[in-house]
Structures are given as C-alpha cells and as structure tokens.
C-alpha atoms as a PDB file:
ATOM      1  CA  MET A   1       0.165   0.275   0.102  1.00  0.00           C
ATOM      2  CA  ILE A   2       0.897   3.503  -0.625  1.00  0.00           C
ATOM      3  CA  SER A   3       0.036   6.300   1.998  1.00  0.00           C
ATOM      4  CA  VAL A   4       0.068   9.348  -0.243  1.00  0.00           C
ATOM      5  CA  ILE A   5       0.103  12.799   2.042  1.00  0.00           C
ATOM      6  CA  ILE A   6      -1.446  15.743   0.677  1.00  0.00           C
ATOM      7  CA  PRO A   7      -1.653  18.844   2.649  1.00  0.00           C
ATOM      8  CA  VAL A   8      -4.064  21.212   2.106  1.00  0.00           C
ATOM      9  CA  TYR A   9      -4.152  25.034   2.614  1.00  0.00           C
ATOM     10  CA  ASN A  10      -5.502  27.789   0.743  1.00  0.00           C
ATOM     11  CA  THR A  11      -5.796  25.188  -2.496  1.00  0.00           C
ATOM     12  CA  GLN A  12     -10.001  25.073  -2.737  1.00  0.00           C
ATOM     13  CA  ASP A  13      -9.779  25.648  -6.244  1.00  0.00           C
ATOM     14  CA  TYR A  14      -7.325  22.644  -6.858  1.00  0.00           C
ATOM     15  CA  ILE A  15      -7.705  20.091  -4.436  1.00  0.00           C
ATOM     16  CA  GLU A  16     -10.948  18.279  -5.934  1.00  0.00           C
ATOM     17  CA  LYS A  17      -9.091  17.495  -9.033  1.00  0.00           C
ATOM     18  CA  CYS A  18      -5.782  16.520  -6.918  1.00  0.00           C
ATOM     19  CA  VAL A  19      -7.413  13.927  -5.115  1.00  0.00           C
ATOM     20  CA  ALA A  20      -9.808  12.884  -7.773  1.00  0.00           C
ATOM     21  CA  SER A  21      -6.052  12.122  -9.901  1.00  0.00           C
ATOM     22  CA  VAL A  22      -4.872  10.617  -6.708  1.00  0.00           C
ATOM     23  CA  LEU A  23      -8.115   8.007  -6.289  1.00  0.00           C
ATOM     24  CA  SER A  24      -8.477   7.296 -10.316  1.00  0.00           C
ATOM     25  CA  GLN A  25      -4.895   5.603 -10.071  1.00  0.00           C
ATOM     26  CA  THR A  26      -4.530   2.415 -12.393  1.00  0.00           C
ATOM     27  CA  TYR A  27      -2.790   1.440  -8.672  1.00  0.00           C
ATOM     28  CA  SER A  28      -5.504   1.333  -6.145  1.00  0.00           C
ATOM     29  CA  ASP A  29      -4.052   0.149  -3.001  1.00  0.00           C
ATOM     30  CA  LEU A  30      -3.805   3.323  -1.282  1.00  0.00           C
ATOM     31  CA  GLN A  31      -4.127   5.191   1.500  1.00  0.00           C
ATOM     32  CA  VAL A  32      -4.690   9.019   1.074  1.00  0.00           C
ATOM     33  CA  ILE A  33      -3.865  11.246   4.537  1.00  0.00           C
ATOM     34  CA  LEU A  34      -5.274  14.864   3.737  1.00  0.00           C
ATOM     35  CA  VAL A  35      -4.205  17.184   6.114  1.00  0.00           C
ATOM     36  CA  ASP A  36      -5.965  20.622   6.533  1.00  0.00           C
ATOM     37  CA  ASP A  37      -3.470  23.033   8.107  1.00  0.00           C
ATOM     38  CA  GLY A  38      -6.067  24.864   8.964  1.00  0.00           C
ATOM     39  CA  SER A  39      -6.867  26.372   5.806  1.00  0.00           C
ATOM     40  CA  PRO A  40      -9.391  29.514   6.124  1.00  0.00           C
ATOM     41  CA  ASP A  41     -11.055  29.175   2.997  1.00  0.00           C
ATOM     42  CA  GLU A  42     -13.409  25.726   1.928  1.00  0.00           C
ATOM     43  CA  SER A  43     -10.774  23.328   1.254  1.00  0.00           C
ATOM     44  CA  GLY A  44     -11.623  21.853   4.724  1.00  0.00           C
ATOM     45  CA  LYS A  45     -14.960  21.304   3.971  1.00  0.00           C
ATOM     46  CA  ILE A  46     -14.686  20.199   0.260  1.00  0.00           C
ATOM     47  CA  ILE A  47     -11.973  17.328   1.718  1.00  0.00           C
ATOM     48  CA  ASP A  48     -14.690  16.369   4.733  1.00  0.00           C
ATOM     49  CA  ALA A  49     -17.400  15.635   1.575  1.00  0.00           C
ATOM     50  CA  ILE A  50     -15.444  12.937   0.047  1.00  0.00           C
ATOM     51  CA  GLU A  51     -16.545   9.667   0.441  1.00  0.00           C
ATOM     52  CA  ASP A  52     -13.682   7.085  -0.285  1.00  0.00           C
ATOM     53  CA  PRO A  53     -12.618   4.258   2.619  1.00  0.00           C
ATOM     54  CA  ARG A  54      -8.837   4.826   1.415  1.00  0.00           C
ATOM     55  CA  VAL A  55      -9.302   9.058   2.463  1.00  0.00           C
ATOM     56  CA  LEU A  56      -8.188   9.677   5.585  1.00  0.00           C
ATOM     57  CA  VAL A  57      -9.237  13.530   6.896  1.00  0.00           C
ATOM     58  CA  ILE A  58      -7.321  15.526   9.621  1.00  0.00           C
ATOM     59  CA  HIS A  59      -7.929  18.884  10.533  1.00  0.00           C
ATOM     60  CA  GLN A  60      -5.112  20.773  12.709  1.00  0.00           C
ATOM     61  CA  GLU A  61      -4.363  24.155  13.680  1.00  0.00           C
ATOM     62  CA  ASN A  62      -1.678  26.145  11.058  1.00  0.00           C
ATOM     63  CA  GLY A  63       1.426  25.038  11.223  1.00  0.00           C
ATOM     64  CA  GLY A  64       3.340  25.300   7.860  1.00  0.00           C
ATOM     65  CA  LEU A  65       3.738  22.441   4.887  1.00  0.00           C
ATOM     66  CA  SER A  66       6.394  21.060   7.045  1.00  0.00           C
ATOM     67  CA  ALA A  67       4.016  20.453  10.062  1.00  0.00           C
ATOM     68  CA  ALA A  68       1.124  19.432   7.886  1.00  0.00           C
ATOM     69  CA  ARG A  69       3.506  16.370   5.816  1.00  0.00           C
ATOM     70  CA  ASN A  70       4.773  15.333   9.299  1.00  0.00           C
ATOM     71  CA  THR A  71       1.141  14.859  10.554  1.00  0.00           C
ATOM     72  CA  GLY A  72       0.611  12.687   7.383  1.00  0.00           C
ATOM     73  CA  LEU A  73       3.693  10.738   8.191  1.00  0.00           C
ATOM     74  CA  ASP A  74       2.675  10.227  11.437  1.00  0.00           C
ATOM     75  CA  HIS A  75      -0.678   8.400  10.545  1.00  0.00           C
ATOM     76  CA  ALA A  76       0.954   6.934   7.527  1.00  0.00           C
ATOM     77  CA  SER A  77       0.789   2.772   7.441  1.00  0.00           C
ATOM     78  CA  GLY A  78       1.297   2.625   3.882  1.00  0.00           C
ATOM     79  CA  GLU A  79       4.346   0.018   2.652  1.00  0.00           C
ATOM     80  CA  TYR A  80       5.341   3.394   0.269  1.00  0.00           C
ATOM     81  CA  ILE A  81       5.228   6.752   1.423  1.00  0.00           C
ATOM     82  CA  CYS A  82       4.143   9.964  -1.477  1.00  0.00           C
ATOM     83  CA  PHE A  83       3.876  13.256  -1.550  1.00  0.00           C
ATOM     84  CA  ILE A  84       2.032  15.636  -3.487  1.00  0.00           C
ATOM     85  CA  ASP A  85       0.838  19.006  -3.176  1.00  0.00           C
ATOM     86  CA  GLY A  86      -3.113  19.994  -2.553  1.00  0.00           C
ATOM     87  CA  ASP A  87      -2.602  22.083  -6.203  1.00  0.00           C
ATOM     88  CA  ASP A  88      -1.054  19.542  -8.032  1.00  0.00           C
ATOM     89  CA  PHE A  89      -1.963  16.625  -9.662  1.00  0.00           C
ATOM     90  CA  ILE A  90      -0.992  13.560 -11.642  1.00  0.00           C
ATOM     91  CA  GLU A  91      -1.078  10.982 -14.156  1.00  0.00           C
ATOM     92  CA  ARG A  92      -3.724   7.923 -14.280  1.00  0.00           C
ATOM     93  CA  ASP A  93      -0.628   5.708 -13.972  1.00  0.00           C
ATOM     94  CA  MET A  94       2.503   7.456 -11.772  1.00  0.00           C
ATOM     95  CA  PHE A  95       2.032   5.269  -9.253  1.00  0.00           C
ATOM     96  CA  GLU A  96       1.870   2.359 -11.865  1.00  0.00           C
ATOM     97  CA  ILE A  97       4.591   3.237 -13.281  1.00  0.00           C
ATOM     98  CA  LEU A  98       6.801   4.432 -10.052  1.00  0.00           C
ATOM     99  CA  LEU A  99       6.305   1.171  -8.081  1.00  0.00           C
ATOM    100  CA  HIS A 100       6.918  -1.245 -10.986  1.00  0.00           C
ATOM    101  CA  THR A 101      10.590   0.793 -11.676  1.00  0.00           C
ATOM    102  CA  LEU A 102      11.014   0.328  -7.587  1.00  0.00           C
ATOM    103  CA  ARG A 103      10.900  -3.301  -7.967  1.00  0.00           C
ATOM    104  CA  SER A 104      12.394  -4.091 -10.463  1.00  0.00           C
ATOM    105  CA  VAL A 105      15.297  -2.214 -10.051  1.00  0.00           C
ATOM    106  CA  GLY A 106      15.276  -2.460  -6.539  1.00  0.00           C
ATOM    107  CA  ALA A 107      15.482   0.672  -5.525  1.00  0.00           C
ATOM    108  CA  ASP A 108      14.539   2.546  -2.161  1.00  0.00           C
ATOM    109  CA  ILE A 109      13.302   5.746  -3.788  1.00  0.00           C
ATOM    110  CA  VAL A 110      11.989   6.399  -7.604  1.00  0.00           C
ATOM    111  CA  GLN A 111      11.341   9.663  -9.444  1.00  0.00           C
ATOM    112  CA  CYS A 112       9.516  10.931 -12.079  1.00  0.00           C
ATOM    113  CA  GLY A 113       9.131  13.435 -14.374  1.00  0.00           C
ATOM    114  CA  TYR A 114       6.843  16.811 -13.696  1.00  0.00           C
ATOM    115  CA  ILE A 115       5.753  19.382 -16.191  1.00  0.00           C
ATOM    116  CA  PRO A 116       4.832  22.875 -15.166  1.00  0.00           C
ATOM    117  CA  ASP A 117       1.560  23.272 -16.200  1.00  0.00           C
ATOM    118  CA  ASP A 118      -0.847  26.362 -15.770  1.00  0.00           C
ATOM    119  CA  GLY A 119      -4.128  24.680 -16.521  1.00  0.00           C
ATOM    120  CA  THR A 120      -3.755  25.871 -20.464  1.00  0.00           C
ATOM    121  CA  LEU A 121      -0.972  22.618 -21.287  1.00  0.00           C
ATOM    122  CA  GLY A 122      -3.169  20.576 -23.368  1.00  0.00           C
ATOM    123  CA  GLU A 123      -1.572  17.656 -24.713  1.00  0.00           C
ATOM    124  CA  PHE A 124       2.353  17.166 -24.055  1.00  0.00           C
ATOM    125  CA  ASP A 125       5.433  15.132 -24.554  1.00  0.00           C
ATOM    126  CA  ARG A 126       5.502  12.346 -21.500  1.00  0.00           C
ATOM    127  CA  GLY A 127       9.005  11.305 -22.974  1.00  0.00           C
ATOM    128  CA  ASP A 128       9.951   7.599 -22.532  1.00  0.00           C
ATOM    129  CA  ALA A 129      10.017   5.267 -19.970  1.00  0.00           C
ATOM    130  CA  ALA A 130      14.031   4.743 -19.873  1.00  0.00           C
ATOM    131  CA  VAL A 131      15.364   4.391 -16.444  1.00  0.00           C
ATOM    132  CA  ARG A 132      18.302   5.557 -14.883  1.00  0.00           C
ATOM    133  CA  VAL A 133      19.713   3.559 -11.463  1.00  0.00           C
ATOM    134  CA  PHE A 134      21.904   5.241  -9.089  1.00  0.00           C
ATOM    135  CA  GLU A 135      23.321   3.966  -6.111  1.00  0.00           C
ATOM    136  CA  ARG A 136      23.630   6.080  -3.197  1.00  0.00           C
ATOM    137  CA  ASP A 137      26.522   8.355  -3.383  1.00  0.00           C
ATOM    138  CA  ASP A 138      25.590   9.243  -7.108  1.00  0.00           C
ATOM    139  CA  ALA A 139      22.148   9.696  -6.332  1.00  0.00           C
ATOM    140  CA  ILE A 140      23.425  12.400  -3.571  1.00  0.00           C
ATOM    141  CA  LEU A 141      25.911  14.369  -5.835  1.00  0.00           C
ATOM    142  CA  SER A 142      23.301  14.513  -8.161  1.00  0.00           C
ATOM    143  CA  LEU A 143      21.036  15.671  -5.506  1.00  0.00           C
ATOM    144  CA  VAL A 144      23.715  18.529  -4.821  1.00  0.00           C
ATOM    145  CA  LYS A 145      23.944  19.616  -8.119  1.00  0.00           C
ATOM    146  CA  ASN A 146      20.426  19.480  -8.717  1.00  0.00           C
ATOM    147  CA  ASP A 147      20.901  17.133 -12.236  1.00  0.00           C
ATOM    148  CA  VAL A 148      18.515  14.240 -12.400  1.00  0.00           C
ATOM    149  CA  PHE A 149      17.373  14.453  -8.616  1.00  0.00           C
ATOM    150  CA  GLU A 150      16.112  17.736  -7.712  1.00  0.00           C
ATOM    151  CA  GLN A 151      15.519  18.297  -4.140  1.00  0.00           C
ATOM    152  CA  VAL A 152      11.743  18.210  -4.439  1.00  0.00           C
ATOM    153  CA  VAL A 153       9.862  15.419  -2.694  1.00  0.00           C
ATOM    154  CA  TRP A 154       6.689  14.878  -4.352  1.00  0.00           C
ATOM    155  CA  ASN A 155       7.436  13.655  -7.889  1.00  0.00           C
ATOM    156  CA  LYS A 156       8.684  10.447  -5.607  1.00  0.00           C
ATOM    157  CA  ILE A 157       7.669   7.437  -4.076  1.00  0.00           C
ATOM    158  CA  TYR A 158       9.908   6.194  -1.249  1.00  0.00           C
ATOM    159  CA  LYS A 159       9.820   3.276   1.242  1.00  0.00           C
ATOM    160  CA  ARG A 160       8.763   3.613   4.075  1.00  0.00           C
ATOM    161  CA  GLU A 161      12.034   2.960   6.048  1.00  0.00           C
ATOM    162  CA  VAL A 162      14.099   4.965   4.245  1.00  0.00           C
ATOM    163  CA  ILE A 163      12.190   7.923   5.703  1.00  0.00           C
ATOM    164  CA  GLY A 164      11.896   6.244   9.383  1.00  0.00           C
ATOM    165  CA  ASP A 165      12.070   8.622  12.088  1.00  0.00           C
ATOM    166  CA  ILE A 166      12.892  11.724   9.611  1.00  0.00           C
ATOM    167  CA  ARG A 167      10.744  14.829   9.397  1.00  0.00           C
ATOM    168  CA  PHE A 168      10.386  18.157   8.071  1.00  0.00           C
ATOM    169  CA  HIS A 169      11.970  21.378   9.822  1.00  0.00           C
ATOM    170  CA  VAL A 170       8.561  23.141  10.962  1.00  0.00           C
ATOM    171  CA  GLY A 171       8.727  26.401   9.966  1.00  0.00           C
ATOM    172  CA  LYS A 172      11.498  26.519   7.123  1.00  0.00           C
ATOM    173  CA  PHE A 173      10.891  27.101   4.040  1.00  0.00           C
ATOM    174  CA  HIS A 174      12.451  25.055   1.215  1.00  0.00           C
ATOM    175  CA  GLU A 175      11.903  22.672   3.849  1.00  0.00           C
ATOM    176  CA  ASP A 176      12.519  19.984   1.415  1.00  0.00           C
ATOM    177  CA  GLU A 177      16.233  20.621   1.521  1.00  0.00           C
ATOM    178  CA  PHE A 178      16.839  19.718   4.742  1.00  0.00           C
ATOM    179  CA  PHE A 179      14.449  16.587   4.330  1.00  0.00           C
ATOM    180  CA  SER A 180      15.841  14.847   0.853  1.00  0.00           C
ATOM    181  CA  TRP A 181      19.823  14.080   1.614  1.00  0.00           C
ATOM    182  CA  ARG A 182      19.116  12.725   4.623  1.00  0.00           C
ATOM    183  CA  VAL A 183      16.087  10.268   2.956  1.00  0.00           C
ATOM    184  CA  PHE A 184      18.590   9.419   0.332  1.00  0.00           C
ATOM    185  CA  TYR A 185      21.272   8.315   2.491  1.00  0.00           C
ATOM    186  CA  ASN A 186      19.411   6.061   4.143  1.00  0.00           C
ATOM    187  CA  SER A 187      18.641   4.162   0.512  1.00  0.00           C
ATOM    188  CA  LYS A 188      21.179   2.370  -1.407  1.00  0.00           C
ATOM    189  CA  LYS A 189      19.495   2.646  -4.860  1.00  0.00           C
ATOM    190  CA  ILE A 190      17.739   5.479  -5.847  1.00  0.00           C
ATOM    191  CA  ALA A 191      15.905   5.692  -9.516  1.00  0.00           C
ATOM    192  CA  ALA A 192      14.494   8.195 -12.011  1.00  0.00           C
ATOM    193  CA  VAL A 193      12.212   7.272 -14.856  1.00  0.00           C
ATOM    194  CA  ASN A 194      11.820   9.510 -17.811  1.00  0.00           C
ATOM    195  CA  SER A 195       7.949   9.704 -18.017  1.00  0.00           C
ATOM    196  CA  VAL A 196       6.440  12.760 -17.365  1.00  0.00           C
ATOM    197  CA  CYS A 197       3.938  12.292 -14.335  1.00  0.00           C
ATOM    198  CA  TYR A 198       3.487  14.854 -12.170  1.00  0.00           C
ATOM    199  CA  HIS A 199       1.942  18.749 -13.360  1.00  0.00           C
ATOM    200  CA  TYR A 200       3.457  21.304 -11.089  1.00  0.00           C
ATOM    201  CA  VAL A 201       0.739  24.290 -10.720  1.00  0.00           C
ATOM    202  CA  GLN A 202       2.740  27.238  -9.722  1.00  0.00           C
ATOM    203  CA  ARG A 203       0.017  29.545  -8.914  1.00  0.00           C
ATOM    204  CA  ALA A 204       0.367  33.096  -7.743  1.00  0.00           C
ATOM    205  CA  GLY A 205      -0.036  32.728  -4.306  1.00  0.00           C
ATOM    206  CA  SER A 206       1.595  29.949  -3.683  1.00  0.00           C
ATOM    207  CA  ILE A 207       5.048  30.032  -1.456  1.00  0.00           C
ATOM    208  CA  MET A 208       7.492  29.837  -4.891  1.00  0.00           C
ATOM    209  CA  GLY A 209       5.192  32.573  -6.173  1.00  0.00           C
ATOM    210  CA  GLN A 210       5.373  34.835  -3.937  1.00  0.00           C
ATOM    211  CA  LYS A 211       7.914  38.266  -3.815  1.00  0.00           C
ATOM    212  CA  PHE A 212      11.040  37.007  -3.682  1.00  0.00           C
ATOM    213  CA  SER A 213      12.407  37.500   0.560  1.00  0.00           C
ATOM    214  CA  ALA A 214      13.941  36.611   3.508  1.00  0.00           C
ATOM    215  CA  LYS A 215      11.953  33.507   3.367  1.00  0.00           C
ATOM    216  CA  ARG A 216      14.303  31.989   0.993  1.00  0.00           C
ATOM    217  CA  LEU A 217      17.363  32.379   3.062  1.00  0.00           C
ATOM    218  CA  HIS A 218      16.324  29.058   4.580  1.00  0.00           C
ATOM    219  CA  ALA A 219      17.728  27.464   1.509  1.00  0.00           C
ATOM    220  CA  LEU A 220      21.411  28.244   2.418  1.00  0.00           C
ATOM    221  CA  GLU A 221      20.635  27.134   6.272  1.00  0.00           C
ATOM    222  CA  ALA A 222      19.690  23.789   4.611  1.00  0.00           C
ATOM    223  CA  LEU A 223      22.633  23.937   2.514  1.00  0.00           C
ATOM    224  CA  LEU A 224      25.272  25.032   5.370  1.00  0.00           C
ATOM    225  CA  GLU A 225      23.655  22.193   7.931  1.00  0.00           C
ATOM    226  CA  ARG A 226      24.233  19.716   4.918  1.00  0.00           C
ATOM    227  CA  THR A 227      27.645  20.668   4.366  1.00  0.00           C
ATOM    228  CA  ARG A 228      28.658  20.156   7.585  1.00  0.00           C
ATOM    229  CA  GLU A 229      26.893  16.853   7.918  1.00  0.00           C
ATOM    230  CA  PHE A 230      28.817  15.638   4.882  1.00  0.00           C
ATOM    231  CA  LYS A 231      32.398  16.616   6.209  1.00  0.00           C
ATOM    232  CA  THR A 232      31.805  13.761   7.981  1.00  0.00           C
ATOM    233  CA  LEU A 233      29.617  11.539   6.978  1.00  0.00           C
ATOM    234  CA  LEU A 234      30.266  12.094   2.910  1.00  0.00           C
ATOM    235  CA  PRO A 235      33.640  13.502   2.935  1.00  0.00           C
ATOM    236  CA  ALA A 236      33.605  12.536  -1.098  1.00  0.00           C
ATOM    237  CA  LEU A 237      30.910  14.702  -1.563  1.00  0.00           C
ATOM    238  CA  TYR A 238      31.791  17.700   0.821  1.00  0.00           C
ATOM    239  CA  PRO A 239      33.899  19.536  -2.219  1.00  0.00           C
ATOM    240  CA  ALA A 240      30.654  19.773  -3.911  1.00  0.00           C
ATOM    241  CA  SER A 241      28.286  20.704  -1.024  1.00  0.00           C
ATOM    242  CA  ASN A 242      30.363  23.905  -0.584  1.00  0.00           C
ATOM    243  CA  ALA A 243      30.195  24.526  -3.754  1.00  0.00           C
ATOM    244  CA  ALA A 244      26.670  24.078  -4.280  1.00  0.00           C
ATOM    245  CA  LEU A 245      26.370  26.457  -0.857  1.00  0.00           C
ATOM    246  CA  GLY A 246      28.239  28.969  -2.603  1.00  0.00           C
ATOM    247  CA  GLU A 247      26.508  29.636  -6.266  1.00  0.00           C
ATOM    248  CA  ASN A 248      22.829  29.600  -4.162  1.00  0.00           C
ATOM    249  CA  CYS A 249      24.836  32.568  -2.136  1.00  0.00           C
ATOM    250  CA  MET A 250      25.806  34.351  -4.845  1.00  0.00           C
ATOM    251  CA  TYR A 251      22.566  33.622  -6.795  1.00  0.00           C
ATOM    252  CA  GLN A 252      20.456  34.645  -3.390  1.00  0.00           C
ATOM    253  CA  TYR A 253      22.926  38.284  -3.519  1.00  0.00           C
ATOM    254  CA  GLN A 254      22.125  38.960  -7.029  1.00  0.00           C
ATOM    255  CA  CYS A 255      18.413  38.711  -6.568  1.00  0.00           C
ATOM    256  CA  PHE A 256      18.229  40.517  -3.393  1.00  0.00           C
ATOM    257  CA  ARG A 257      20.650  43.491  -5.308  1.00  0.00           C
ATOM    258  CA  ARG A 258      18.415  43.139  -8.521  1.00  0.00           C
ATOM    259  CA  MET A 259      15.253  43.383  -6.866  1.00  0.00           C
ATOM    260  CA  LYS A 260      13.848  46.563  -5.898  1.00  0.00           C
ATOM    261  CA  GLY A 261      12.300  46.838  -2.068  1.00  0.00           C
ATOM    262  CA  SER A 262      13.390  43.042  -1.386  1.00  0.00           C
ATOM    263  CA  ASP A 263      16.272  44.272   0.540  1.00  0.00           C
ATOM    264  CA  ASP A 264      16.145  47.684   1.113  1.00  0.00           C
ATOM    265  CA  ASP A 265      18.232  47.933   4.437  1.00  0.00           C
ATOM    266  CA  GLY A 266      20.857  45.253   3.050  1.00  0.00           C
ATOM    267  CA  GLU A 267      19.992  42.654   6.106  1.00  0.00           C
ATOM    268  CA  CYS A 268      19.174  39.781   3.827  1.00  0.00           C
ATOM    269  CA  ARG A 269      22.587  40.267   1.791  1.00  0.00           C
ATOM    270  CA  LYS A 270      24.700  40.575   5.150  1.00  0.00           C
ATOM    271  CA  LYS A 271      23.128  37.487   6.583  1.00  0.00           C
ATOM    272  CA  ILE A 272      24.361  35.642   2.796  1.00  0.00           C
ATOM    273  CA  LEU A 273      27.960  36.970   3.337  1.00  0.00           C
ATOM    274  CA  GLU A 274      27.452  35.455   6.575  1.00  0.00           C
ATOM    275  CA  TYR A 275      26.464  31.995   5.269  1.00  0.00           C
ATOM    276  CA  TYR A 276      29.027  32.160   2.257  1.00  0.00           C
ATOM    277  CA  SER A 277      31.967  33.236   4.883  1.00  0.00           C
ATOM    278  CA  GLN A 278      30.660  29.711   6.693  1.00  0.00           C
ATOM    279  CA  MET A 279      32.077  27.981   3.545  1.00  0.00           C
ATOM    280  CA  ASP A 280      35.149  25.790   3.202  1.00  0.00           C
ATOM    281  CA  LEU A 281      36.422  27.850  -0.086  1.00  0.00           C
ATOM    282  CA  PRO A 282      39.247  25.774  -1.477  1.00  0.00           C
ATOM    283  CA  ALA A 283      37.210  22.704  -1.246  1.00  0.00           C
ATOM    284  CA  ALA A 284      34.242  24.376  -2.822  1.00  0.00           C
ATOM    285  CA  CYS A 285      36.724  25.269  -5.739  1.00  0.00           C
ATOM    286  CA  SER A 286      38.234  22.258  -6.130  1.00  0.00           C
ATOM    287  CA  ALA A 287      34.974  21.000  -6.944  1.00  0.00           C
ATOM    288  CA  VAL A 288      33.899  23.309  -9.603  1.00  0.00           C
ATOM    289  CA  SER A 289      35.686  24.633 -13.496  1.00  0.00           C
ATOM    290  CA  VAL A 290      38.831  27.302 -12.691  1.00  0.00           C
ATOM    291  CA  LYS A 291      36.208  30.115 -14.235  1.00  0.00           C
ATOM    292  CA  GLN A 292      33.615  29.454 -11.271  1.00  0.00           C
ATOM    293  CA  GLY A 293      36.093  28.983  -8.862  1.00  0.00           C
ATOM    294  CA  ILE A 294      37.091  32.849  -9.628  1.00  0.00           C
ATOM    295  CA  TRP A 295      33.636  33.635  -9.154  1.00  0.00           C
ATOM    296  CA  LEU A 296      33.561  32.197  -5.877  1.00  0.00           C
ATOM    297  CA  ARG A 297      36.869  33.728  -4.725  1.00  0.00           C
ATOM    298  CA  MET A 298      35.797  37.533  -6.186  1.00  0.00           C
ATOM    299  CA  PHE A 299      32.525  36.858  -4.436  1.00  0.00           C
ATOM    300  CA  ARG A 300      34.247  36.423  -0.882  1.00  0.00           C
ATOM    301  CA  ALA A 301      36.256  39.173  -1.613  1.00  0.00           C
ATOM    302  CA  ALA A 302      34.481  41.913  -3.329  1.00  0.00           C
ATOM    303  CA  PRO A 303      30.840  40.409  -3.083  1.00  0.00           C
ATOM    304  CA  GLU A 304      28.853  43.881  -4.404  1.00  0.00           C
ATOM    305  CA  MET A 305      31.156  44.433  -7.377  1.00  0.00           C
ATOM    306  CA  THR A 306      31.044  40.820  -8.433  1.00  0.00           C
ATOM    307  CA  ALA A 307      27.135  40.258  -7.848  1.00  0.00           C
ATOM    308  CA  ALA A 308      26.756  43.620 -10.285  1.00  0.00           C
ATOM    309  CA  LEU A 309      28.987  42.305 -12.909  1.00  0.00           C
ATOM    310  CA  ARG A 310      27.138  38.984 -12.723  1.00  0.00           C
ATOM    311  CA  ASN A 311      23.709  40.741 -12.866  1.00  0.00           C
ATOM    312  CA  LYS A 312      24.622  43.092 -15.819  1.00  0.00           C
ATOM    313  CA  LEU A 313      26.048  39.794 -17.762  1.00  0.00           C
ATOM    314  CA  GLY A 314      22.875  37.777 -16.870  1.00  0.00           C
ATOM    315  CA  ILE A 315      25.553  35.228 -15.347  1.00  0.00           C
ATOM    316  CA  GLY A 316      23.794  32.787 -12.629  1.00  0.00           C
ATOM    317  CA  LEU A 317      20.178  33.802 -12.905  1.00  0.00           C
END
C-alpha cells in the first residue's frame, strides 16, 4: 500500500482535481491522507465531503507545510510513502509506473518527470520510459548538483523505512532541502524514470510564487547544515556541497540586489555573506571549473562588485 500525504491549505480551487487524480490511479491500494492545515478557505469542507474508504481527513491548527506533512507521516501505514501538494495533480498511471520501476530495479526511492502546468497545457510529450539507477553516493551527488535528482519530494515514491523517523523542519521554507538528502542517505539505490507523471501547478498565491523575501534564505541554512554533515558522513561529497552553498549564496545575493524593495536595508545580503563566510572556499573551488572558482573567490573578496557584474552579464540568473 502507498500512503499518499497531501497537505491542504488555501487550495479550494485545486484540491478536488488533485484528490480525484489520486483516487483514479490504475494502482488502487492507497491510503490518502488529507491534512487540512487550518485552511481559512473552503478547502476543509471540500475534503470532508469526499466519500472514499481510502481517504483519511485530518484537521489541525495552521503549522505550515512541514507540520502538515509530518502529521501525514505520523498517520501513514503504507509500505510506501508519496507526497503530493494540494494544488497539483498526477497522471493516472503515476503510481503504477513508479512502483513497478522501484520493484524491478530494487530501488528504495524512485522519481518521475514533472511538468509545469498553468491549466492551459493541453497535450504534451510524456517522454519515454527509460530508467536510470544510481548507487546512493552518486544519487546524492546528483541531488547536490540539482541534476537528475532535485530537492523536491512530490515527484517521488519512498520505501517507508528510508524515511523512518526523519521529519520536515517545521517553520522552514525550502523544507525539502533539509529533508531530501537525509532520506537519500538512508537508501542504497535510487532510480529515475523519464516518464512525465506529475503536473506542477505554480499559482500566484503559492510560497514559490511570492515575492523574493528573507524566507528564501532558509535554503542557505539547509545547504550549510548539509555541508557540515557531509564533512563527516560523506567526505567525498563535501567539496561539491560547499560549491553548491557558494553558488546559491551568489545567486541569492544577486536576486536581492536586483529586485527593488526586497532588501532595502541590506540585512538579507548581510545574512548571505555570513553563510558564505562559513563555506570552505578551497574545497568549493576544487569541485568546480577554474572559471567558476574565480567567481567564488571574487565574491568572497568583493561581493557587491561581483554580484553587480554577474547581473550585468546575466550570469547565474
């Protein structure tokens, strides 16, 4: 059985389509956990009206996306776990494809492709069914580089045991970046199937659709935490994690610098430099090209000038 965890918050225009796409799956052995995270709109009433014995509805005070997912995990009884956001939806065969792939290659986690969808997508190319299988460390390296694997949790199925007692950091944005590498670390094999099965609906009111703000710096906190852990747990990947931290610091700094009204007092950029100062610069430079290493060293020496130059050249945006 797959336990499908769906946080519900201000999704009254989306949640019915989301749940319908789950309940109509060709693989039907499901536990669908809908966690109403104190939503002020009609979402709670909508999910209460769903009549299906596989559905469990939980209402709680607002605690954020991480708190809602954690509640779902605490109530999950399936052998497998899947996270879906309440404003997204999936293709009818997503679970069948992912579960077949996971079992056939002996993986602990498997992901599918996804596609942004604003409601006007129409027919699209779902890609082929090619599968790539990675050993743990290679998969984590790909995750660090946002290459084959990305930080998001919603296009994946996990064996329950690799999640174990790992939970999402409550109160943090970019919560997936605190979570994903830890679950990968508990795995032996991770697979990726090319087929596009997940529709990612990015609406204006969503967290990622909001104005660039200090909340985005939680991503740097997650990357710094990961880098410190890698120094002991995965020393071979420590340089790459430092590089990812440095590159993200430059990117965030550039964004705050170019977006008027996002950091008028300079506090966000000051915080970014604090994170950057904790990066192991020699290690980071050893994991990137000579050119990128020069950028990292320039940013350490002169962040304002470097960010301005990169913005002018359109680098890293």
